[in-house]
């Protein structure tokens, strides 16, 4: 599914409800879903990961709709590769890992 279509679908399905809920609550839901995605990636099945990834995308689309921005436009900065070094693949020096 294209990002613009995703935004249209989320707006048609949840737009009024999400607008009434407001931006702050939408950001909170997005953060909660991101936490659930992190847990699914660490300990979940492929199906759980797909479910949570879809939820994160839906909440992100809702937030973009509420602030009047296009996800397609937001992703344009990555259209030619890394926005920092302008290479594909990225040639930036990786940050030190903090993973435990």
PDB file of N, CA and C in Angstrom:
ATOM      1  N   UNK A   1       0.841  -1.175   0.000  1.00  0.00           N
ATOM      2  CA  UNK A   1       0.000   0.000   0.000  1.00  0.00           C
ATOM      3  C   UNK A   1       0.892   1.247   0.000  1.00  0.00           C
ATOM      4  N   UNK A   2       0.566   2.197  -0.820  1.00  0.00           N
ATOM      5  CA  UNK A   2       1.288   3.460  -0.891  1.00  0.00           C
ATOM      6  C   UNK A   2       1.012   4.281   0.377  1.00  0.00           C
ATOM      7  N   UNK A   3       1.964   5.108   0.766  1.00  0.00           N
ATOM      8  CA  UNK A   3       1.805   5.909   1.977  1.00  0.00           C
ATOM      9  C   UNK A   3       0.612   6.868   1.884  1.00  0.00           C
ATOM     10  N   UNK A   4       0.424   7.498   0.727  1.00  0.00           N
ATOM     11  CA  UNK A   4      -0.718   8.407   0.565  1.00  0.00           C
ATOM     12  C   UNK A   4      -2.031   7.651   0.729  1.00  0.00           C
ATOM     13  N   UNK A   5      -2.104   6.457   0.193  1.00  0.00           N
ATOM     14  CA  UNK A   5      -3.314   5.636   0.334  1.00  0.00           C
ATOM     15  C   UNK A   5      -3.534   5.253   1.787  1.00  0.00           C
ATOM     16  N   UNK A   6      -2.449   4.939   2.487  1.00  0.00           N
ATOM     17  CA  UNK A   6      -2.548   4.632   3.916  1.00  0.00           C
ATOM     18  C   UNK A   6      -3.155   5.814   4.663  1.00  0.00           C
ATOM     19  N   UNK A   7      -2.655   7.017   4.404  1.00  0.00           N
ATOM     20  CA  UNK A   7      -3.193   8.188   5.086  1.00  0.00           C
ATOM     21  C   UNK A   7      -4.672   8.398   4.764  1.00  0.00           C
ATOM     22  N   UNK A   8      -5.044   8.203   3.507  1.00  0.00           N
ATOM     23  CA  UNK A   8      -6.454   8.340   3.117  1.00  0.00           C
ATOM     24  C   UNK A   8      -7.324   7.325   3.845  1.00  0.00           C
ATOM     25  N   UNK A   9      -6.868   6.086   3.900  1.00  0.00           N
ATOM     26  CA  UNK A   9      -7.631   5.020   4.548  1.00  0.00           C
ATOM     27  C   UNK A   9      -7.799   5.290   6.043  1.00  0.00           C
ATOM     28  N   UNK A  10      -6.726   5.698   6.703  1.00  0.00           N
ATOM     29  CA  UNK A  10      -6.801   5.987   8.135  1.00  0.00           C
ATOM     30  C   UNK A  10      -7.703   7.188   8.388  1.00  0.00           C
ATOM     31  N   UNK A  11      -7.623   8.205   7.536  1.00  0.00           N
ATOM     32  CA  UNK A  11      -8.501   9.373   7.685  1.00  0.00           C
ATOM     33  C   UNK A  11      -9.964   8.986   7.530  1.00  0.00           C
ATOM     34  N   UNK A  12     -10.266   8.157   6.534  1.00  0.00           N
ATOM     35  CA  UNK A  12     -11.646   7.737   6.310  1.00  0.00           C
ATOM     36  C   UNK A  12     -12.154   6.847   7.433  1.00  0.00           C
ATOM     37  N   UNK A  13     -11.285   6.019   7.979  1.00  0.00           N
ATOM     38  CA  UNK A  13     -11.688   5.060   9.003  1.00  0.00           C
ATOM     39  C   UNK A  13     -11.759   5.679  10.388  1.00  0.00           C
ATOM     40  N   UNK A  14     -10.745   6.464  10.752  1.00  0.00           N
ATOM     41  CA  UNK A  14     -10.621   6.960  12.129  1.00  0.00           C
ATOM     42  C   UNK A  14     -10.480   8.471  12.244  1.00  0.00           C
ATOM     43  N   UNK A  15     -10.511   9.190  11.137  1.00  0.00           N
ATOM     44  CA  UNK A  15     -10.198  10.621  11.141  1.00  0.00           C
ATOM     45  C   UNK A  15     -10.938  11.455  12.165  1.00  0.00           C
ATOM     46  N   UNK A  16     -12.259  11.354  12.186  1.00  0.00           N
ATOM     47  CA  UNK A  16     -13.041  12.162  13.121  1.00  0.00           C
ATOM     48  C   UNK A  16     -12.726  11.796  14.567  1.00  0.00           C
ATOM     49  N   UNK A  17     -12.657  10.511  14.850  1.00  0.00           N
ATOM     50  CA  UNK A  17     -12.374  10.047  16.204  1.00  0.00           C
ATOM     51  C   UNK A  17     -10.976  10.481  16.649  1.00  0.00           C
ATOM     52  N   UNK A  18     -10.000  10.334  15.743  1.00  0.00           N
ATOM     53  CA  UNK A  18      -8.632  10.709  16.092  1.00  0.00           C
ATOM     54  C   UNK A  18      -8.503  12.217  16.292  1.00  0.00           C
ATOM     55  N   UNK A  19      -9.180  13.000  15.453  1.00  0.00           N
ATOM     56  CA  UNK A  19      -9.139  14.456  15.605  1.00  0.00           C
ATOM     57  C   UNK A  19      -9.746  14.879  16.942  1.00  0.00           C
ATOM     58  N   UNK A  20     -10.841  14.230  17.327  1.00  0.00           N
ATOM     59  CA  UNK A  20     -11.476  14.543  18.614  1.00  0.00           C
ATOM     60  C   UNK A  20     -10.567  14.157  19.780  1.00  0.00           C
ATOM     61  N   UNK A  21      -9.824  13.078  19.621  1.00  0.00           N
ATOM     62  CA  UNK A  21      -8.900  12.613  20.659  1.00  0.00           C
ATOM     63  C   UNK A  21      -7.769  13.613  20.829  1.00  0.00           C
ATOM     64  N   UNK A  22      -7.285  14.157  19.714  1.00  0.00           N
ATOM     65  CA  UNK A  22      -6.247  15.176  19.739  1.00  0.00           C
ATOM     66  C   UNK A  22      -4.854  14.640  19.505  1.00  0.00           C
ATOM     67  N   UNK A  23      -3.962  15.574  19.228  1.00  0.00           N
ATOM     68  CA  UNK A  23      -2.585  15.236  18.888  1.00  0.00           C
ATOM     69  C   UNK A  23      -1.832  14.590  20.044  1.00  0.00           C
ATOM     70  N   UNK A  24      -1.975  15.153  21.234  1.00  0.00           N
ATOM     71  CA  UNK A  24      -1.223  14.623  22.382  1.00  0.00           C
ATOM     72  C   UNK A  24      -1.594  13.166  22.645  1.00  0.00           C
ATOM     73  N   UNK A  25      -2.876  12.858  22.599  1.00  0.00           N
ATOM     74  CA  UNK A  25      -3.311  11.484  22.825  1.00  0.00           C
ATOM     75  C   UNK A  25      -2.842  10.576  21.691  1.00  0.00           C
ATOM     76  N   UNK A  26      -2.820  11.095  20.472  1.00  0.00           N
ATOM     77  CA  UNK A  26      -2.352  10.298  19.338  1.00  0.00           C
ATOM     78  C   UNK A  26      -0.868   9.980  19.487  1.00  0.00           C
ATOM     79  N   UNK A  27      -0.082  10.951  19.923  1.00  0.00           N
ATOM     80  CA  UNK A  27       1.339  10.701  20.167  1.00  0.00           C
ATOM     81  C   UNK A  27       1.505   9.655  21.267  1.00  0.00           C
ATOM     82  N   UNK A  28       0.682   9.729  22.303  1.00  0.00           N
ATOM     83  CA  UNK A  28       0.755   8.736  23.382  1.00  0.00           C
ATOM     84  C   UNK A  28       0.429   7.338  22.859  1.00  0.00           C
ATOM     85  N   UNK A  29      -0.603   7.221  22.035  1.00  0.00           N
ATOM     86  CA  UNK A  29      -0.949   5.915  21.463  1.00  0.00           C
ATOM     87  C   UNK A  29       0.161   5.408  20.555  1.00  0.00           C
ATOM     88  N   UNK A  30       0.744   6.315  19.767  1.00  0.00           N
ATOM     89  CA  UNK A  30       1.848   5.932  18.890  1.00  0.00           C
ATOM     90  C   UNK A  30       3.022   5.400  19.710  1.00  0.00           C
ATOM     91  N   UNK A  31       3.344   6.085  20.793  1.00  0.00           N
ATOM     92  CA  UNK A  31       4.443   5.642  21.661  1.00  0.00           C
ATOM     93  C   UNK A  31       4.142   4.278  22.275  1.00  0.00           C
ATOM     94  N   UNK A  32       2.904   4.082  22.702  1.00  0.00           N
ATOM     95  CA  UNK A  32       2.516   2.792  23.275  1.00  0.00           C
ATOM     96  C   UNK A  32       2.656   1.674  22.238  1.00  0.00           C
ATOM     97  N   UNK A  33       2.194   1.934  21.030  1.00  0.00           N
ATOM     98  CA  UNK A  33       2.296   0.928  19.976  1.00  0.00           C
ATOM     99  C   UNK A  33       3.747   0.667  19.599  1.00  0.00           C
ATOM    100  N   UNK A  34       4.583   1.671  19.644  1.00  0.00           N
ATOM    101  CA  UNK A  34       6.002   1.474  19.367  1.00  0.00           C
ATOM    102  C   UNK A  34       6.630   0.573  20.423  1.00  0.00           C
ATOM    103  N   UNK A  35       6.222   0.743  21.675  1.00  0.00           N
ATOM    104  CA  UNK A  35       6.683  -0.155  22.734  1.00  0.00           C
ATOM    105  C   UNK A  35       6.237  -1.587  22.499  1.00  0.00           C
ATOM    106  N   UNK A  36       4.990  -1.757  22.060  1.00  0.00           N
ATOM    107  CA  UNK A  36       4.487  -3.101  21.765  1.00  0.00           C
ATOM    108  C   UNK A  36       5.240  -3.711  20.584  1.00  0.00           C
ATOM    109  N   UNK A  37       5.601  -2.878  19.602  1.00  0.00           N
ATOM    110  CA  UNK A  37       6.398  -3.378  18.475  1.00  0.00           C
ATOM    111  C   UNK A  37       7.780  -3.821  18.961  1.00  0.00           C
ATOM    112  N   UNK A  38       8.382  -3.045  19.831  1.00  0.00           N
ATOM    113  CA  UNK A  38       9.704  -3.410  20.355  1.00  0.00           C
ATOM    114  C   UNK A  38       9.647  -4.756  21.071  1.00  0.00           C
ATOM    115  N   UNK A  39       8.615  -4.961  21.862  1.00  0.00           N
ATOM    116  CA  UNK A  39       8.464  -6.222  22.569  1.00  0.00           C
ATOM    117  C   UNK A  39       8.239  -7.377  21.583  1.00  0.00           C
ATOM    118  N   UNK A  40       7.425  -7.142  20.556  1.00  0.00           N
ATOM    119  CA  UNK A  40       7.164  -8.189  19.561  1.00  0.00           C
ATOM    120  C   UNK A  40       8.434  -8.543  18.792  1.00  0.00           C
ATOM    121  N   UNK A  41       9.250  -7.560  18.506  1.00  0.00           N
ATOM    122  CA  UNK A  41      10.506  -7.828  17.796  1.00  0.00           C
ATOM    123  C   UNK A  41      11.437  -8.652  18.674  1.00  0.00           C
ATOM    124  N   UNK A  42      11.458  -8.346  19.960  1.00  0.00           N
ATOM    125  CA  UNK A  42      12.337  -9.072  20.880  1.00  0.00           C
ATOM    126  C   UNK A  42      11.860 -10.478  21.166  1.00  0.00           C
ATOM    127  N   UNK A  43      10.531 -10.649  21.360  1.00  0.00           N
ATOM    128  CA  UNK A  43      10.040 -11.931  21.868  1.00  0.00           C
ATOM    129  C   UNK A  43       8.852 -12.500  21.117  1.00  0.00           C
ATOM    130  N   UNK A  44       8.361 -11.798  20.116  1.00  0.00           N
ATOM    131  CA  UNK A  44       7.132 -12.227  19.464  1.00  0.00           C
ATOM    132  C   UNK A  44       7.346 -13.036  18.210  1.00  0.00           C
ATOM    133  N   UNK A  45       6.238 -13.493  17.689  1.00  0.00           N
ATOM    134  CA  UNK A  45       6.238 -14.238  16.432  1.00  0.00           C
ATOM    135  C   UNK A  45       6.237 -13.255  15.260  1.00  0.00           C
ATOM    136  N   UNK A  46       6.462 -13.776  14.085  1.00  0.00           N
ATOM    137  CA  UNK A  46       6.401 -12.950  12.880  1.00  0.00           C
ATOM    138  C   UNK A  46       5.031 -12.291  12.768  1.00  0.00           C
ATOM    139  N   UNK A  47       3.978 -13.043  13.050  1.00  0.00           N
ATOM    140  CA  UNK A  47       2.623 -12.502  12.961  1.00  0.00           C
ATOM    141  C   UNK A  47       2.404 -11.372  13.963  1.00  0.00           C
ATOM    142  N   UNK A  48       2.905 -11.505  15.173  1.00  0.00           N
ATOM    143  CA  UNK A  48       2.798 -10.437  16.175  1.00  0.00           C
ATOM    144  C   UNK A  48       3.577  -9.197  15.735  1.00  0.00           C
ATOM    145  N   UNK A  49       4.749  -9.422  15.138  1.00  0.00           N
ATOM    146  CA  UNK A  49       5.548  -8.303  14.651  1.00  0.00           C
ATOM    147  C   UNK A  49       4.823  -7.559  13.537  1.00  0.00           C
ATOM    148  N   UNK A  50       4.226  -8.293  12.597  1.00  0.00           N
ATOM    149  CA  UNK A  50       3.459  -7.661  11.522  1.00  0.00           C
ATOM    150  C   UNK A  50       2.282  -6.867  12.078  1.00  0.00           C
ATOM    151  N   UNK A  51       1.580  -7.445  13.050  1.00  0.00           N
ATOM    152  CA  UNK A  51       0.444  -6.778  13.678  1.00  0.00           C
ATOM    153  C   UNK A  51       0.866  -5.451  14.288  1.00  0.00           C
ATOM    154  N   UNK A  52       1.916  -5.478  15.075  1.00  0.00           N
ATOM    155  CA  UNK A  52       2.365  -4.267  15.771  1.00  0.00           C
ATOM    156  C   UNK A  52       2.952  -3.245  14.807  1.00  0.00           C
ATOM    157  N   UNK A  53       3.644  -3.700  13.773  1.00  0.00           N
ATOM    158  CA  UNK A  53       4.176  -2.782  12.770  1.00  0.00           C
ATOM    159  C   UNK A  53       3.034  -2.054  12.066  1.00  0.00           C
ATOM    160  N   UNK A  54       1.973  -2.785  11.762  1.00  0.00           N
ATOM    161  CA  UNK A  54       0.792  -2.171  11.161  1.00  0.00           C
ATOM    162  C   UNK A  54       0.158  -1.139  12.074  1.00  0.00           C
ATOM    163  N   UNK A  55       0.085  -1.449  13.380  1.00  0.00           N
ATOM    164  CA  UNK A  55      -0.480  -0.495  14.329  1.00  0.00           C
ATOM    165  C   UNK A  55       0.353   0.784  14.394  1.00  0.00           C
ATOM    166  N   UNK A  56       1.682   0.635  14.406  1.00  0.00           N
ATOM    167  CA  UNK A  56       2.557   1.812  14.440  1.00  0.00           C
ATOM    168  C   UNK A  56       2.340   2.662  13.193  1.00  0.00           C
ATOM    169  N   UNK A  57       2.280   2.028  12.035  1.00  0.00           N
ATOM    170  CA  UNK A  57       2.056   2.779  10.800  1.00  0.00           C
ATOM    171  C   UNK A  57       0.709   3.493  10.805  1.00  0.00           C
ATOM    172  N   UNK A  58      -0.316   2.835  11.323  1.00  0.00           N
ATOM    173  CA  UNK A  58      -1.647   3.450  11.378  1.00  0.00           C
ATOM    174  C   UNK A  58      -1.651   4.682  12.275  1.00  0.00           C
ATOM    175  N   UNK A  59      -1.047   4.588  13.443  1.00  0.00           N
ATOM    176  CA  UNK A  59      -0.993   5.740  14.349  1.00  0.00           C
ATOM    177  C   UNK A  59      -0.118   6.845  13.786  1.00  0.00           C
ATOM    178  N   UNK A  60       0.968   6.494  13.099  1.00  0.00           N
ATOM    179  CA  UNK A  60       1.822   7.493  12.466  1.00  0.00           C
ATOM    180  C   UNK A  60       1.046   8.223  11.365  1.00  0.00           C
ATOM    181  N   UNK A  61       0.275   7.475  10.581  1.00  0.00           N
ATOM    182  CA  UNK A  61      -0.556   8.084   9.543  1.00  0.00           C
ATOM    183  C   UNK A  61      -1.600   9.008  10.156  1.00  0.00           C
ATOM    184  N   UNK A  62      -2.189   8.596  11.270  1.00  0.00           N
ATOM    185  CA  UNK A  62      -3.173   9.435  11.945  1.00  0.00           C
ATOM    186  C   UNK A  62      -2.537  10.746  12.414  1.00  0.00           C
ATOM    187  N   UNK A  63      -1.353  10.652  12.987  1.00  0.00           N
ATOM    188  CA  UNK A  63      -0.667  11.854  13.455  1.00  0.00           C
ATOM    189  C   UNK A  63      -0.333  12.773  12.281  1.00  0.00           C
ATOM    190  N   UNK A  64       0.168  12.202  11.189  1.00  0.00           N
ATOM    191  CA  UNK A  64       0.468  13.004  10.003  1.00  0.00           C
ATOM    192  C   UNK A  64      -0.784  13.717   9.504  1.00  0.00           C
ATOM    193  N   UNK A  65      -1.902  13.012   9.492  1.00  0.00           N
ATOM    194  CA  UNK A  65      -3.161  13.632   9.075  1.00  0.00           C
ATOM    195  C   UNK A  65      -3.537  14.782   9.996  1.00  0.00           C
ATOM    196  N   UNK A  66      -3.390  14.589  11.289  1.00  0.00           N
ATOM    197  CA  UNK A  66      -3.781  15.622  12.253  1.00  0.00           C
ATOM    198  C   UNK A  66      -2.930  16.880  12.150  1.00  0.00           C
ATOM    199  N   UNK A  67      -1.673  16.721  11.782  1.00  0.00           N
ATOM    200  CA  UNK A  67      -0.805  17.907  11.652  1.00  0.00           C
ATOM    201  C   UNK A  67      -0.748  18.410  10.213  1.00  0.00           C
ATOM    202  N   UNK A  68      -1.489  17.758   9.316  1.00  0.00           N
ATOM    203  CA  UNK A  68      -1.592  18.219   7.940  1.00  0.00           C
ATOM    204  C   UNK A  68      -0.345  17.987   7.108  1.00  0.00           C
ATOM    205  N   UNK A  69       0.355  16.892   7.386  1.00  0.00           N
ATOM    206  CA  UNK A  69       1.575  16.583   6.656  1.00  0.00           C
ATOM    207  C   UNK A  69       1.428  15.273   5.882  1.00  0.00           C
ATOM    208  N   UNK A  70       2.221  15.140   4.839  1.00  0.00           N
ATOM    209  CA  UNK A  70       2.219  13.955   3.988  1.00  0.00           C
ATOM    210  C   UNK A  70       3.375  13.048   4.370  1.00  0.00           C
ATOM    211  N   UNK A  71       3.087  11.766   4.612  1.00  0.00           N
ATOM    212  CA  UNK A  71       4.160  10.805   4.862  1.00  0.00           C
ATOM    213  C   UNK A  71       5.043  10.654   3.625  1.00  0.00           C
ATOM    214  N   UNK A  72       4.444  10.721   2.437  1.00  0.00           N
ATOM    215  CA  UNK A  72       5.242  10.663   1.214  1.00  0.00           C
ATOM    216  C   UNK A  72       6.242  11.815   1.176  1.00  0.00           C
ATOM    217  N   UNK A  73       5.780  13.008   1.500  1.00  0.00           N
ATOM    218  CA  UNK A  73       6.667  14.176   1.512  1.00  0.00           C
ATOM    219  C   UNK A  73       7.735  14.039   2.590  1.00  0.00           C
ATOM    220  N   UNK A  74       7.352  13.510   3.741  1.00  0.00           N
ATOM    221  CA  UNK A  74       8.319  13.316   4.827  1.00  0.00           C
ATOM    222  C   UNK A  74       9.429  12.358   4.418  1.00  0.00           C
ATOM    223  N   UNK A  75       9.097  11.349   3.633  1.00  0.00           N
ATOM    224  CA  UNK A  75      10.081  10.353   3.227  1.00  0.00           C
ATOM    225  C   UNK A  75      10.943  10.794   2.049  1.00  0.00           C
ATOM    226  N   UNK A  76      10.607  11.909   1.433  1.00  0.00           N
ATOM    227  CA  UNK A  76      11.385  12.405   0.300  1.00  0.00           C
ATOM    228  C   UNK A  76      12.851  12.610   0.662  1.00  0.00           C
ATOM    229  N   UNK A  77      13.130  12.950   1.912  1.00  0.00           N
ATOM    230  CA  UNK A  77      14.529  13.184   2.293  1.00  0.00           C
ATOM    231  C   UNK A  77      15.368  11.912   2.196  1.00  0.00           C
ATOM    232  N   UNK A  78      14.734  10.751   2.134  1.00  0.00           N
ATOM    233  CA  UNK A  78      15.444   9.474   2.002  1.00  0.00           C
ATOM    234  C   UNK A  78      15.414   8.927   0.573  1.00  0.00           C
ATOM    235  N   UNK A  79      14.831   9.651  -0.349  1.00  0.00           N
ATOM    236  CA  UNK A  79      14.616   9.157  -1.706  1.00  0.00           C
ATOM    237  C   UNK A  79      15.915   8.823  -2.443  1.00  0.00           C
ATOM    238  N   UNK A  80      16.979   9.508  -2.116  1.00  0.00           N
ATOM    239  CA  UNK A  80      18.251   9.278  -2.808  1.00  0.00           C
ATOM    240  C   UNK A  80      19.281   8.621  -1.909  1.00  0.00           C
ATOM    241  N   UNK A  81      18.836   8.013  -0.817  1.00  0.00           N
ATOM    242  CA  UNK A  81      19.756   7.369   0.118  1.00  0.00           C
ATOM    243  C   UNK A  81      19.839   8.143   1.418  1.00  0.00           C
ATOM    244  N   UNK A  82      20.984   8.073   2.049  1.00  0.00           N
ATOM    245  CA  UNK A  82      21.178   8.703   3.359  1.00  0.00           C
ATOM    246  C   UNK A  82      21.097  10.227   3.250  1.00  0.00           C
ATOM    247  N   UNK A  83      20.236  10.874   4.025  1.00  0.00           N
ATOM    248  CA  UNK A  83      20.151  12.330   3.946  1.00  0.00           C
ATOM    249  C   UNK A  83      21.375  13.041   4.538  1.00  0.00           C
ATOM    250  N   UNK A  84      22.182  12.340   5.318  1.00  0.00           N
ATOM    251  CA  UNK A  84      23.370  12.961   5.913  1.00  0.00           C
ATOM    252  C   UNK A  84      24.582  12.912   4.992  1.00  0.00           C
ATOM    253  N   UNK A  85      24.865  11.735   4.417  1.00  0.00           N
ATOM    254  CA  UNK A  85      26.069  11.592   3.592  1.00  0.00           C
ATOM    255  C   UNK A  85      25.765  11.519   2.100  1.00  0.00           C
ATOM    256  N   UNK A  86      24.481  11.416   1.750  1.00  0.00           N
ATOM    257  CA  UNK A  86      24.034  11.364   0.348  1.00  0.00           C
ATOM    258  C   UNK A  86      24.545  10.133  -0.399  1.00  0.00           C
ATOM    259  N   UNK A  87      24.774   9.050   0.317  1.00  0.00           N
ATOM    260  CA  UNK A  87      25.211   7.813  -0.319  1.00  0.00           C
ATOM    261  C   UNK A  87      24.188   6.702  -0.096  1.00  0.00           C
ATOM    262  N   UNK A  88      24.234   5.736  -1.004  1.00  0.00           N
ATOM    263  CA  UNK A  88      23.390   4.556  -0.918  1.00  0.00           C
ATOM    264  C   UNK A  88      24.270   3.347  -1.223  1.00  0.00           C
ATOM    265  N   UNK A  89      24.615   2.504  -0.279  1.00  0.00           N
ATOM    266  CA  UNK A  89      24.226   2.563   1.131  1.00  0.00           C
ATOM    267  C   UNK A  89      24.965   3.675   1.877  1.00  0.00           C
ATOM    268  N   UNK A  90      24.463   3.958   3.051  1.00  0.00           N
ATOM    269  CA  UNK A  90      25.012   5.011   3.899  1.00  0.00           C
ATOM    270  C   UNK A  90      26.487   4.735   4.208  1.00  0.00           C
ATOM    271  N   UNK A  91      27.283   5.810   4.171  1.00  0.00           N
ATOM    272  CA  UNK A  91      28.702   5.715   4.504  1.00  0.00           C
ATOM    273  C   UNK A  91      29.034   6.460   5.796  1.00  0.00           C
ATOM    274  N   UNK A  92      28.015   6.908   6.515  1.00  0.00           N
ATOM    275  CA  UNK A  92      28.250   7.616   7.775  1.00  0.00           C
ATOM    276  C   UNK A  92      28.919   6.690   8.775  1.00  0.00           C
ATOM    277  N   UNK A  93      29.694   7.260   9.647  1.00  0.00           N
ATOM    278  CA  UNK A  93      30.315   6.489  10.725  1.00  0.00           C
ATOM    279  C   UNK A  93      29.218   6.063  11.692  1.00  0.00           C
ATOM    280  N   UNK A  94      29.044   4.762  11.940  1.00  0.00           N
ATOM    281  CA  UNK A  94      27.982   4.326  12.867  1.00  0.00           C
ATOM    282  C   UNK A  94      28.252   4.786  14.291  1.00  0.00           C
ATOM    283  N   UNK A  95      27.176   5.091  15.000  1.00  0.00           N
ATOM    284  CA  UNK A  95      27.290   5.444  16.416  1.00  0.00           C
ATOM    285  C   UNK A  95      27.626   4.197  17.210  1.00  0.00           C
ATOM    286  N   UNK A  96      28.322   4.362  18.319  1.00  0.00           N
ATOM    287  CA  UNK A  96      28.628   3.188  19.157  1.00  0.00           C
ATOM    288  C   UNK A  96      27.340   2.519  19.626  1.00  0.00           C
ATOM    289  N   UNK A  97      27.345   1.207  19.647  1.00  0.00           N
ATOM    290  CA  UNK A  97      26.168   0.451  20.060  1.00  0.00           C
ATOM    291  C   UNK A  97      25.982   0.547  21.564  1.00  0.00           C
ATOM    292  N   UNK A  98      24.708   0.746  21.952  1.00  0.00           N
ATOM    293  CA  UNK A  98      24.371   0.746  23.367  1.00  0.00           C
ATOM    294  C   UNK A  98      23.484  -0.450  23.717  1.00  0.00           C
ATOM    295  N   UNK A  99      23.331  -1.358  22.750  1.00  0.00           N
ATOM    296  CA  UNK A  99      22.474  -2.532  22.964  1.00  0.00           C
ATOM    297  C   UNK A  99      23.084  -3.426  24.039  1.00  0.00           C
ATOM    298  N   UNK A 100      22.210  -3.988  24.843  1.00  0.00           N
ATOM    299  CA  UNK A 100      22.659  -4.886  25.911  1.00  0.00           C
ATOM    300  C   UNK A 100      22.293  -6.300  25.566  1.00  0.00           C
TER     301      UNK A 100
END
